[in-house]
Amino acid sequence: MPIIQVANCSPYPITVTLNSGTNPIVLDPSSVQNDYVPFFDNRPRTPHQQPAPGEWGNSNLVTVQFSNGQRTFQTQVYTNVPDPSWAISTLDVWCWVFWNRLVFSQGGAYHDSGVSPISSKMSDAVSKEIQMGNAYIVNCTPFGLNFIVNSGNPTKLGPMKPTAPGTIPGVGSVASIAYTVPYSSGLNPDQISGTNNPSGSTPNSLIVTGPPYTGGQTPNYQITVDMNQVPLTSDVYLWVLVDNVYGTDSAGRSQGFTIVKKMSKLADLGLKAEA
């Protein structure tokens, strides 16, 4: 039996339900750690029949829920989505899930521009929160570091490592590791928030702990991102050095970032010294 492969091409975790089934497809977002190769899963495809719940048929109801890893903030509904008329019925079809669009392909070729949802509703709990881009926290030090974003879950990144030179003697590169969180308008754990009022808003907190910091104190960076200069459609990059953090947007510009370094006692932050 042919199948439909559903791939997550968005920067968020998604849950895809086919035809009101009880076995939804749950997919993580792709990230720098896996070279942005989309995660995917499959369900049975019967292109000339009415679909069974949780499967793909000739006319389909598709519900896509986007989350921030903790709760759903956007639900998009697609109705009467046909099995592609150009697709060979005995072969597999791919459904690529983007923000506000489904695109179909077969055999590596894209045959149409996709379909748009008939409804797109922001969750009531986060109706005032908008998320579009990502924030990449990049470890630019030779140390393994732990990061806590806005009192979220501690995340450890390995050290920056130089790679071996290529065919030209003396030429090499540096490989960095990034921690990816949403860039949003809401000040939430495990997210970097932007604001339209930089002087009157609460800054983001980025706590960094690890071997460089001794004496029971560690940096707690207060980071304000001005959405007037760094819109939510942009990505944010926070380049973490031993003694400072630098912010840039997708184009490498540093305008719109205000970063203040504070040294805080681990005990005051509710943290323990690493063994």
Protein backbone atom coordinates (compact mmCIF):
# COMPACT_ATOMS: atom_id res chain seq x y z
CA MET A 1 0.00 0.00 0.00
CA PRO A 2 1.34 3.46 -0.81
CA ILE A 3 1.83 5.97 2.00
CA ILE A 4 1.87 9.70 2.52
CA GLN A 5 5.01 11.06 4.17
CA VAL A 6 4.39 14.15 6.31
CA ALA A 7 7.45 16.37 6.94
CA ASN A 8 7.80 19.31 9.34
CA CYS A 9 9.31 22.28 7.47
CA SER A 10 8.42 24.80 10.19
CA PRO A 11 10.59 26.05 13.06
CA TYR A 12 8.12 24.69 15.65
CA PRO A 13 7.03 21.30 16.99
CA ILE A 14 3.83 20.28 15.17
CA THR A 15 0.99 17.81 15.61
CA VAL A 16 -0.76 16.81 12.36
CA THR A 17 -4.14 15.07 12.50
CA LEU A 18 -5.52 13.45 9.35
CA ASN A 19 -9.28 13.13 9.02
CA SER A 20 -10.02 13.38 12.76
CA GLY A 21 -7.88 10.35 13.57
CA THR A 22 -6.76 9.42 17.05
CA ASN A 23 -3.14 8.71 16.03
CA PRO A 24 -1.77 12.16 15.15
CA ILE A 25 1.67 12.68 13.65
CA VAL A 26 3.93 14.48 16.14
CA LEU A 27 7.10 15.98 14.67
CA ASP A 28 9.96 18.03 16.12
CA PRO A 29 11.34 21.01 14.19
CA SER A 30 14.58 20.68 12.30
CA SER A 31 17.61 22.47 13.70
CA VAL A 32 21.29 23.16 13.15
CA GLN A 33 22.14 19.97 15.04
CA ASN A 34 20.64 17.85 12.25
CA ASP A 35 21.52 20.13 9.30
CA TYR A 36 17.88 21.24 9.01
CA VAL A 37 16.74 17.89 7.56
CA PRO A 38 12.99 17.78 8.31
CA PHE A 39 11.57 15.18 10.64
CA PHE A 40 8.81 13.11 9.03
CA ASP A 41 6.39 10.24 9.59
CA ASN A 42 3.90 8.41 7.39
CA ARG A 43 0.34 7.16 7.21
CA PRO A 44 -1.51 4.88 4.72
CA ARG A 45 -2.65 6.47 1.44
CA THR A 46 -5.74 5.30 -0.47
CA PRO A 47 -6.09 7.97 -3.19
CA HIS A 48 -9.34 6.67 -4.75
CA GLN A 49 -11.29 6.07 -1.53
CA GLN A 50 -12.85 8.02 1.28
CA PRO A 51 -10.17 8.15 4.00
CA ALA A 52 -10.37 6.27 7.24
CA PRO A 53 -9.66 8.36 10.38
CA GLY A 54 -5.91 8.92 10.71
CA GLU A 55 -5.24 7.99 7.07
CA TRP A 56 -5.04 9.79 3.71
CA GLY A 57 -7.68 9.41 1.00
CA ASN A 58 -9.28 11.21 -1.94
CA SER A 59 -10.53 14.22 0.06
CA ASN A 60 -9.00 15.10 3.40
CA LEU A 61 -9.33 17.14 6.56
CA VAL A 62 -5.92 18.18 7.88
CA THR A 63 -5.37 19.92 11.21
CA VAL A 64 -1.92 21.29 12.07
CA GLN A 65 -1.14 22.46 15.61
CA PHE A 66 2.00 24.49 16.25
CA SER A 67 3.51 24.57 19.72
CA ASN A 68 6.39 26.20 21.55
CA GLY A 69 7.31 22.86 23.12
CA GLN A 70 4.99 23.45 26.08
CA ARG A 71 1.60 24.42 24.63
CA THR A 72 -0.20 24.89 21.32
CA PHE A 73 -0.22 28.51 20.18
CA GLN A 74 -1.62 28.15 16.64
CA THR A 75 -4.09 25.75 14.98
CA GLN A 76 -4.46 25.68 11.19
CA VAL A 77 -7.26 23.74 9.49
CA TYR A 78 -7.30 22.51 5.88
CA THR A 79 -10.55 21.04 4.51
CA ASN A 80 -11.35 19.09 1.34
CA VAL A 81 -7.67 18.68 0.49
CA PRO A 82 -7.61 16.31 -2.51
CA ASP A 83 -5.05 13.67 -3.20
CA PRO A 84 -2.91 15.31 -5.92
CA SER A 85 -4.46 14.57 -9.32
CA TRP A 86 -1.04 14.34 -10.95
CA ALA A 87 0.30 11.80 -8.44
CA ILE A 88 0.73 8.14 -9.41
CA SER A 89 -1.67 6.23 -7.20
CA THR A 90 0.69 3.31 -6.51
CA LEU A 91 3.62 5.45 -5.31
CA ASP A 92 4.25 7.41 -2.14
CA VAL A 93 3.42 11.12 -1.84
CA TRP A 94 5.15 13.68 0.37
CA CYS A 95 3.31 16.43 2.24
CA TRP A 96 5.64 19.24 3.33
CA VAL A 97 4.14 21.26 6.21
CA PHE A 98 5.11 24.94 6.22
CA TRP A 99 3.62 27.83 8.15
CA ASN A 100 0.27 28.51 6.43
CA ARG A 101 0.87 26.08 3.57
CA LEU A 102 0.96 22.41 2.60
CA VAL A 103 3.07 21.48 -0.44
CA PHE A 104 2.95 18.08 -2.14
CA SER A 105 5.55 16.22 -4.15
CA GLN A 106 6.27 12.81 -5.60
CA GLY A 107 9.54 11.37 -6.80
CA GLY A 108 11.43 14.47 -5.69
CA ALA A 109 9.43 16.82 -7.98
CA TYR A 110 7.06 19.53 -6.78
CA HIS A 111 4.02 19.79 -9.02
CA ASP A 112 2.06 22.65 -7.48
CA SER A 113 2.33 25.66 -5.19
CA GLY A 114 0.46 24.00 -2.34
CA VAL A 115 -2.71 24.83 -0.47
CA SER A 116 -3.53 27.36 2.25
CA PRO A 117 -5.58 26.75 5.41
CA ILE A 118 -9.24 27.79 5.52
CA SER A 119 -8.79 28.89 9.13
CA SER A 120 -5.85 29.86 11.29
CA LYS A 121 -6.55 30.55 14.95
CA MET A 122 -4.20 31.70 17.65
CA SER A 123 -4.79 29.95 20.95
CA ASP A 124 -6.74 32.13 23.40
CA ALA A 125 -4.04 31.63 26.03
CA VAL A 126 -1.43 33.18 23.75
CA SER A 127 -3.58 35.38 21.51
CA LYS A 128 -1.34 38.34 22.29
CA GLU A 129 1.80 36.39 21.59
CA ILE A 130 3.24 36.11 18.08
CA GLN A 131 6.09 33.83 17.07
CA MET A 132 7.77 33.82 13.67
CA GLY A 133 11.56 33.52 13.82
CA ASN A 134 14.04 31.65 15.96
CA ALA A 135 16.71 32.74 18.39
CA TYR A 136 20.02 30.90 18.10
CA ILE A 137 22.22 30.95 21.19
CA VAL A 138 25.70 30.09 19.95
CA ASN A 139 28.52 28.87 22.18
CA CYS A 140 31.64 30.63 20.90
CA THR A 141 33.89 29.46 23.76
CA PRO A 142 36.19 26.44 24.16
CA PHE A 143 34.13 25.37 27.21
CA GLY A 144 30.98 23.36 27.62
CA LEU A 145 28.36 25.80 28.93
CA ASN A 146 24.88 25.59 30.43
CA PHE A 147 22.20 28.07 29.35
CA ILE A 148 18.94 29.03 31.07
CA VAL A 149 16.60 31.30 29.08
CA ASN A 150 13.99 33.20 31.10
CA SER A 151 13.95 30.62 33.95
CA GLY A 152 13.43 27.78 31.47
CA ASN A 153 15.04 24.36 31.27
CA PRO A 154 18.85 24.24 31.60
CA THR A 155 20.44 23.28 28.28
CA LYS A 156 24.08 22.30 27.85
CA LEU A 157 26.10 23.03 24.71
CA GLY A 158 29.46 21.57 23.87
CA PRO A 159 32.51 23.76 23.22
CA MET A 160 33.43 25.44 19.98
CA LYS A 161 35.87 23.23 18.09
CA PRO A 162 38.26 24.03 15.25
CA THR A 163 37.94 21.65 12.33
CA ALA A 164 40.87 20.11 10.46
CA PRO A 165 42.36 22.22 7.65
CA GLY A 166 41.21 21.45 4.12
CA THR A 167 43.38 20.78 1.11
CA ILE A 168 45.00 24.21 1.37
CA PRO A 169 47.56 24.21 4.21
CA GLY A 170 46.63 26.43 7.13
CA VAL A 171 43.00 26.81 6.09
CA GLY A 172 40.36 25.56 8.48
CA SER A 173 37.12 26.62 10.08
CA VAL A 174 35.46 26.77 13.47
CA ALA A 175 32.40 24.70 14.31
CA SER A 176 29.98 26.19 16.82
CA ILE A 177 26.97 24.62 18.50
CA ALA A 178 23.68 26.49 18.89
CA TYR A 179 20.68 26.21 21.20
CA THR A 180 17.51 27.11 19.28
CA VAL A 181 14.46 28.70 20.91
CA PRO A 182 11.53 30.69 19.45
CA TYR A 183 11.82 34.44 18.92
CA SER A 184 8.43 35.74 20.03
CA SER A 185 6.51 38.68 21.42
CA GLY A 186 5.88 36.87 24.71
CA LEU A 187 8.32 36.80 27.62
CA ASN A 188 8.18 33.06 28.35
CA PRO A 189 10.59 30.35 29.49
CA ASP A 190 12.76 28.90 26.72
CA GLN A 191 11.98 31.81 24.38
CA ILE A 192 13.67 35.09 23.49
CA SER A 193 11.19 37.94 23.51
CA GLY A 194 11.11 41.04 21.34
CA THR A 195 9.42 44.25 22.42
CA ASN A 196 8.00 47.40 20.82
CA ASN A 197 8.85 49.37 23.98
CA PRO A 198 12.54 48.69 24.73
CA SER A 199 12.84 51.26 27.52
CA GLY A 200 9.75 50.14 29.42
CA SER A 201 9.77 46.34 29.12
CA THR A 202 11.27 43.53 31.18
CA PRO A 203 14.44 42.22 29.52
CA ASN A 204 15.14 38.60 28.72
CA SER A 205 17.35 36.69 31.14
CA LEU A 206 20.15 34.49 29.81
CA ILE A 207 22.04 32.72 32.59
CA VAL A 208 25.33 31.10 31.58
CA THR A 209 27.15 28.67 33.84
CA GLY A 210 30.20 26.48 33.35
CA PRO A 211 33.94 26.09 33.93
CA PRO A 212 34.98 29.70 33.16
CA TYR A 213 33.04 31.06 36.11
CA THR A 214 34.38 30.51 39.61
CA GLY A 215 33.84 31.99 43.06
CA GLY A 216 30.13 31.15 43.21
CA GLN A 217 29.09 33.79 40.67
CA THR A 218 27.98 33.49 37.06
CA PRO A 219 26.79 35.85 34.28
CA ASN A 220 23.09 36.69 34.08
CA TYR A 221 22.70 38.69 30.86
CA GLN A 222 19.76 41.07 30.57
CA ILE A 223 18.85 41.18 26.88
CA THR A 224 16.36 43.54 25.23
CA VAL A 225 15.52 43.07 21.54
CA ASP A 226 13.76 45.98 19.81
CA MET A 227 11.13 44.57 17.42
CA ASN A 228 11.05 47.91 15.61
CA GLN A 229 14.57 47.12 14.38
CA VAL A 230 14.56 43.31 14.62
CA PRO A 231 11.08 42.22 13.43
CA LEU A 232 9.65 38.83 14.39
CA THR A 233 10.10 37.69 10.80
CA SER A 234 13.87 37.82 11.42
CA ASP A 235 16.01 35.34 13.29
CA VAL A 236 18.05 36.41 16.32
CA TYR A 237 21.62 35.30 17.00
CA LEU A 238 23.18 35.59 20.45
CA TRP A 239 26.93 34.97 20.23
CA VAL A 240 28.17 33.89 23.66
CA LEU A 241 31.79 34.63 24.57
CA VAL A 242 33.40 34.03 27.94
CA ASP A 243 32.98 37.63 29.09
CA ASN A 244 30.15 38.96 26.92
CA VAL A 245 27.23 38.26 24.60
CA TYR A 246 26.72 39.94 21.22
CA GLY A 247 23.39 40.05 19.38
CA THR A 248 22.75 40.20 15.63
CA ASP A 249 19.79 39.74 13.32
CA SER A 250 19.60 37.49 10.24
CA ALA A 251 21.62 40.00 8.21
CA GLY A 252 24.37 40.28 10.83
CA ARG A 253 23.30 43.73 12.06
CA SER A 254 23.73 44.54 15.75
CA GLN A 255 21.19 47.40 15.89
CA GLY A 256 18.23 46.80 18.18
CA PHE A 257 20.06 44.82 20.87
CA THR A 258 20.69 46.06 24.41
CA ILE A 259 22.67 43.59 26.51
CA VAL A 260 23.71 44.22 30.09
CA LYS A 261 25.95 41.79 31.96
CA LYS A 262 25.25 41.14 35.63
CA MET A 263 27.21 38.78 37.84
CA SER A 264 24.88 36.88 40.17
CA LYS A 265 25.46 34.45 42.97
CA LEU A 266 24.50 30.90 42.05
CA ALA A 267 22.56 30.57 45.30
CA ASP A 268 20.52 33.69 44.49
CA LEU A 269 19.60 32.11 41.15
CA GLY A 270 18.60 28.86 42.81
CA LEU A 271 21.54 27.03 41.23
CA LYS A 272 24.27 24.83 42.62
CA ALA A 273 27.93 24.91 41.71
CA GLU A 274 28.86 22.26 39.15
CA ALA A 275 30.92 19.38 40.41
